[in-house]
């Protein structure tokens, strides 16, 4: 059922129009191929004439655009606004990476989930002469790394399995969903992930992952030369979990703004 009731009534009308425009934009977001005016009207429960007026106003602001003869989809200004809304996690997380290094002497890394891999964004090198170092921009797999496993554990098993199988199909890694599922269950229980020489021989790591207020997934990891991993594991786990609590608190505060 559609409704155009109260379209010309005052002070609430401005707020009402914003809500209706937002509903139209969300409908177009959910169907990137585009919708007709009639389809939008059905999706958002508004009269076609109301939809047409709002779409015309959105089109003037380049928030929607027409395709073909009757199709409507999100416009170029949406991408510009979305880019402006993104925040840089590096300066937010850098103090926590530094704190980890100060407390443990081990390297601390920040990575983000991008296109099915973990991409390194920042690193604070450890103070030991023998330390693990990776390059910013380097890409790491999900199934054999601490940061990747912590990320997979944030997803339901069916989604995590799809991501893992996509990775396995493109690599020589032997698929083992049952084993990985058990690992993910343990991560969800303890709050952190680990790997022992599984991605890089001689390097072990612990890692945690979290969602930002923009639904991006970031991970903090501490890679350690394997010969001393058992000696420092309790300490690095304690510090990474402490940092995770603080980072999540800040991400939540950002989302509340």
Protein backbone atom coordinates (compact mmCIF):
# COMPACT_ATOMS: atom_id res chain seq x y z
CA UNK A 1 0.00 0.00 0.00
CA UNK A 2 1.26 3.49 -0.88
CA UNK A 3 0.63 6.72 0.94
CA UNK A 4 1.11 10.37 0.10
CA UNK A 5 -0.79 11.64 3.09
CA UNK A 6 0.36 14.87 4.62
CA UNK A 7 2.83 15.63 1.83
CA UNK A 8 1.96 19.33 1.91
CA UNK A 9 1.73 19.77 5.65
CA UNK A 10 4.28 21.88 7.44
CA UNK A 11 6.80 21.80 10.02
CA UNK A 12 7.15 18.01 9.98
CA UNK A 13 7.13 17.97 6.21
CA UNK A 14 10.84 18.79 5.86
CA UNK A 15 11.84 15.97 8.19
CA UNK A 16 9.38 13.64 6.48
CA UNK A 17 10.85 14.40 3.06
CA UNK A 18 14.36 13.64 4.31
CA UNK A 19 13.17 10.29 5.65
CA UNK A 20 11.46 9.48 2.36
CA UNK A 21 14.53 10.49 0.35
CA UNK A 22 16.69 8.27 2.55
CA UNK A 23 14.30 5.35 2.00
CA UNK A 24 14.56 5.84 -1.77
CA UNK A 25 18.36 5.99 -1.65
CA UNK A 26 18.48 2.78 0.41
CA UNK A 27 16.19 1.03 -2.07
CA UNK A 28 18.54 2.03 -4.89
CA UNK A 29 21.55 0.93 -2.83
CA UNK A 30 20.02 -2.53 -2.50
CA UNK A 31 19.49 -2.80 -6.27
CA UNK A 32 22.59 -1.37 -8.00
CA UNK A 33 21.25 -2.26 -11.46
CA UNK A 34 18.60 0.43 -11.01
CA UNK A 35 14.84 0.63 -10.47
CA UNK A 36 11.89 2.26 -12.22
CA UNK A 37 9.73 4.84 -10.47
CA UNK A 38 7.04 2.19 -10.06
CA UNK A 39 9.46 -0.27 -8.51
CA UNK A 40 10.75 2.36 -6.10
CA UNK A 41 7.18 3.28 -5.18
CA UNK A 42 6.45 -0.35 -4.31
CA UNK A 43 9.70 -0.82 -2.36
CA UNK A 44 9.31 2.27 -0.16
CA UNK A 45 5.53 2.40 0.15
CA UNK A 46 5.01 5.85 -1.36
CA UNK A 47 2.79 7.12 -4.14
CA UNK A 48 4.49 7.23 -7.55
CA UNK A 49 3.93 10.98 -7.79
CA UNK A 50 5.74 11.51 -4.47
CA UNK A 51 8.62 9.31 -5.58
CA UNK A 52 8.88 11.24 -8.83
CA UNK A 53 9.12 14.61 -7.03
CA UNK A 54 11.78 13.36 -4.60
CA UNK A 55 13.77 11.63 -7.34
CA UNK A 56 13.78 14.83 -9.40
CA UNK A 57 15.21 16.76 -6.44
CA UNK A 58 17.82 14.06 -5.80
CA UNK A 59 18.76 14.10 -9.46
CA UNK A 60 19.44 17.84 -9.35
CA UNK A 61 21.94 17.17 -6.55
CA UNK A 62 23.53 14.28 -8.53
CA UNK A 63 22.51 11.85 -5.78
CA UNK A 64 20.63 9.73 -8.32
CA UNK A 65 20.95 9.39 -12.07
CA UNK A 66 18.81 7.90 -14.85
CA UNK A 67 19.81 4.91 -16.96
CA UNK A 68 18.11 4.03 -20.21
CA UNK A 69 14.59 5.29 -20.63
CA UNK A 70 13.17 4.76 -17.15
CA UNK A 71 15.76 3.27 -14.84
CA UNK A 72 17.13 5.16 -11.81
CA UNK A 73 20.21 4.34 -9.77
CA UNK A 74 22.53 6.01 -7.29
CA UNK A 75 24.43 8.98 -8.71
CA UNK A 76 28.10 10.03 -8.62
CA UNK A 77 27.70 12.32 -5.63
CA UNK A 78 26.96 9.28 -3.43
CA UNK A 79 30.46 7.92 -4.04
CA UNK A 80 31.95 11.30 -3.18
CA UNK A 81 30.00 11.47 0.09
CA UNK A 82 30.92 7.89 0.97
CA UNK A 83 34.62 8.61 0.42
CA UNK A 84 34.40 11.66 2.67
CA UNK A 85 32.74 9.58 5.40
CA UNK A 86 35.58 7.07 5.60
CA UNK A 87 38.00 7.55 8.42
CA UNK A 88 41.68 6.75 8.65
CA UNK A 89 42.21 3.96 11.17
CA UNK A 90 45.98 4.39 11.21
CA UNK A 91 46.19 7.46 13.48
CA UNK A 92 43.50 6.02 15.76
CA UNK A 93 45.29 2.70 16.19
CA UNK A 94 48.93 3.86 16.12
CA UNK A 95 49.06 4.74 19.87
CA UNK A 96 47.84 1.23 20.71
CA UNK A 97 50.41 -0.38 18.42
CA UNK A 98 53.08 1.74 20.10
CA UNK A 99 51.80 0.72 23.53
CA UNK A 100 52.02 -2.96 22.57
CA UNK A 101 55.63 -2.52 21.45
CA UNK A 102 56.50 -0.61 24.63
CA UNK A 103 55.05 -3.38 26.79
CA UNK A 104 56.27 -6.42 24.86
CA UNK A 105 59.19 -5.37 22.69
CA UNK A 106 57.50 -7.19 19.79
CA UNK A 107 56.33 -5.77 16.46
CA UNK A 108 52.67 -4.70 16.20
CA UNK A 109 50.73 -4.57 12.93
CA UNK A 110 47.44 -3.08 11.72
CA UNK A 111 45.64 -4.60 8.74
CA UNK A 112 42.25 -4.31 7.03
CA UNK A 113 40.08 -6.81 5.15
CA UNK A 114 40.10 -5.99 1.43
CA UNK A 115 38.84 -8.26 -1.36
CA UNK A 116 39.27 -11.44 0.64
CA UNK A 117 42.78 -10.75 1.97
CA UNK A 118 44.31 -8.83 4.85
CA UNK A 119 46.17 -5.71 3.67
CA UNK A 120 48.75 -4.23 6.03
CA UNK A 121 48.14 -0.55 6.80
CA UNK A 122 50.67 0.23 9.52
CA UNK A 123 53.41 -1.30 11.61
CA UNK A 124 55.43 -0.33 14.66
CA UNK A 125 58.64 -2.40 14.65
CA UNK A 126 59.68 -4.23 17.79
CA UNK A 127 62.76 -3.39 19.80
CA UNK A 128 64.43 -6.82 19.69
CA UNK A 129 67.38 -7.30 17.35
CA UNK A 130 65.58 -10.29 15.81
CA UNK A 131 62.05 -9.23 15.00
CA UNK A 132 59.28 -9.84 12.47
CA UNK A 133 58.80 -7.11 9.87
CA UNK A 134 56.28 -6.83 7.03
CA UNK A 135 55.77 -4.10 4.44
CA UNK A 136 52.80 -1.74 4.50
CA UNK A 137 50.56 -2.75 1.61
CA UNK A 138 51.56 -6.41 1.81
CA UNK A 139 48.66 -8.86 1.43
CA UNK A 140 48.18 -11.81 3.75
CA UNK A 141 45.75 -14.76 3.51
CA UNK A 142 42.84 -15.37 5.86
CA UNK A 143 43.11 -19.04 6.73
CA UNK A 144 46.73 -19.36 7.89
CA UNK A 145 47.38 -16.04 9.67
CA UNK A 146 46.38 -14.80 13.11
CA UNK A 147 44.85 -11.57 11.78
CA UNK A 148 43.05 -13.43 8.98
CA UNK A 149 41.61 -16.06 11.30
CA UNK A 150 40.48 -13.42 13.77
CA UNK A 151 38.71 -11.72 10.87
CA UNK A 152 37.02 -14.92 9.68
CA UNK A 153 35.76 -15.51 13.22
CA UNK A 154 33.68 -12.33 12.98
CA UNK A 155 31.55 -13.93 10.26
CA UNK A 156 28.91 -16.68 10.59
CA UNK A 157 30.29 -20.10 9.65
CA UNK A 158 28.58 -20.19 6.25
CA UNK A 159 30.14 -16.87 5.20
CA UNK A 160 33.51 -17.75 6.71
CA UNK A 161 33.49 -21.04 4.79
CA UNK A 162 32.76 -19.27 1.50
CA UNK A 163 35.67 -16.90 2.07
CA UNK A 164 37.99 -19.73 3.06
CA UNK A 165 37.03 -21.89 0.08
CA UNK A 166 37.55 -18.96 -2.30
CA UNK A 167 41.06 -18.60 -0.89
CA UNK A 168 41.79 -22.33 -1.07
CA UNK A 169 40.60 -22.52 -4.68
CA UNK A 170 43.15 -19.90 -5.68
CA UNK A 171 46.08 -21.42 -3.78
CA UNK A 172 47.87 -24.72 -3.21
CA UNK A 173 46.62 -24.81 0.39
CA UNK A 174 44.79 -28.05 1.20
CA UNK A 175 41.14 -27.32 2.14
CA UNK A 176 40.22 -28.27 5.70
CA UNK A 177 36.95 -26.63 6.68
CA UNK A 178 36.34 -28.89 9.68
CA UNK A 179 39.72 -27.98 11.16
CA UNK A 180 39.27 -24.29 10.43
CA UNK A 181 35.76 -24.31 11.91
CA UNK A 182 37.15 -25.64 15.18
CA UNK A 183 39.82 -22.92 15.15
CA UNK A 184 37.20 -20.20 14.58
CA UNK A 185 35.03 -21.53 17.41
CA UNK A 186 38.01 -21.29 19.76
CA UNK A 187 38.76 -17.73 18.60
CA UNK A 188 35.19 -16.67 19.33
CA UNK A 189 35.54 -18.17 22.79
CA UNK A 190 38.92 -16.63 23.70
CA UNK A 191 38.74 -13.37 21.73
CA UNK A 192 42.07 -13.84 19.93
CA UNK A 193 43.62 -15.94 17.15
CA UNK A 194 47.06 -17.40 16.67
CA UNK A 195 49.21 -19.18 14.13
CA UNK A 196 52.35 -21.22 14.64
CA UNK A 197 54.66 -21.19 11.59
CA UNK A 198 51.59 -21.75 9.39
CA UNK A 199 52.00 -18.75 7.13
CA UNK A 200 55.72 -17.99 7.44
CA UNK A 201 58.20 -20.53 8.73
CA UNK A 202 59.92 -19.21 11.84
CA UNK A 203 57.19 -16.66 12.62
CA UNK A 204 54.23 -17.16 14.95
CA UNK A 205 51.60 -14.57 15.85
CA UNK A 206 48.53 -13.62 17.83
CA UNK A 207 45.81 -11.38 16.43
CA UNK A 208 42.43 -9.80 17.09
CA UNK A 209 39.88 -8.28 14.72
CA UNK A 210 37.03 -5.80 15.05
CA UNK A 211 34.42 -4.01 12.98
CA UNK A 212 34.45 -0.24 12.63
CA UNK A 213 31.37 1.98 12.77
CA UNK A 214 31.46 1.87 8.94
CA UNK A 215 31.41 -1.95 9.03
CA UNK A 216 35.02 -2.28 7.88
CA UNK A 217 37.08 -5.00 9.54
CA UNK A 218 40.47 -4.15 11.02
CA UNK A 219 42.91 -6.47 12.74
CA UNK A 220 45.85 -5.96 15.09
CA UNK A 221 48.49 -8.67 15.17
CA UNK A 222 51.77 -9.30 16.95
CA UNK A 223 54.20 -11.45 14.95
CA UNK A 224 56.99 -13.06 16.98
CA UNK A 225 60.01 -15.15 15.97
CA UNK A 226 58.85 -18.67 16.80
CA UNK A 227 61.84 -19.57 18.95
CA UNK A 228 60.63 -17.16 21.68
CA UNK A 229 56.88 -17.31 21.03
CA UNK A 230 56.10 -19.63 23.94
CA UNK A 231 58.06 -17.39 26.31
CA UNK A 232 56.09 -14.24 25.43
CA UNK A 233 52.73 -15.64 24.36
CA UNK A 234 50.94 -14.87 27.63
CA UNK A 235 52.26 -11.30 27.65
CA UNK A 236 51.47 -10.48 24.01
CA UNK A 237 48.01 -12.03 24.35
CA UNK A 238 47.29 -9.94 27.43
CA UNK A 239 48.41 -6.72 25.73
CA UNK A 240 46.61 -7.33 22.45
CA UNK A 241 43.33 -8.07 24.26
CA UNK A 242 43.74 -4.92 26.35
CA UNK A 243 44.36 -2.85 23.23
CA UNK A 244 41.41 -4.48 21.48
CA UNK A 245 39.05 -3.32 24.24
CA UNK A 246 40.27 0.27 23.90
CA UNK A 247 40.16 0.30 20.10
CA UNK A 248 36.63 -1.14 20.07
CA UNK A 249 35.56 1.49 22.59
CA UNK A 250 36.87 4.27 20.34
CA UNK A 251 35.28 2.77 17.23
CA UNK A 252 31.96 2.60 19.07
CA UNK A 253 32.28 6.23 20.13
CA UNK A 254 32.90 7.23 16.52
CA UNK A 255 29.79 5.35 15.45
CA UNK A 256 27.71 7.22 18.03
CA UNK A 257 28.64 10.62 16.58
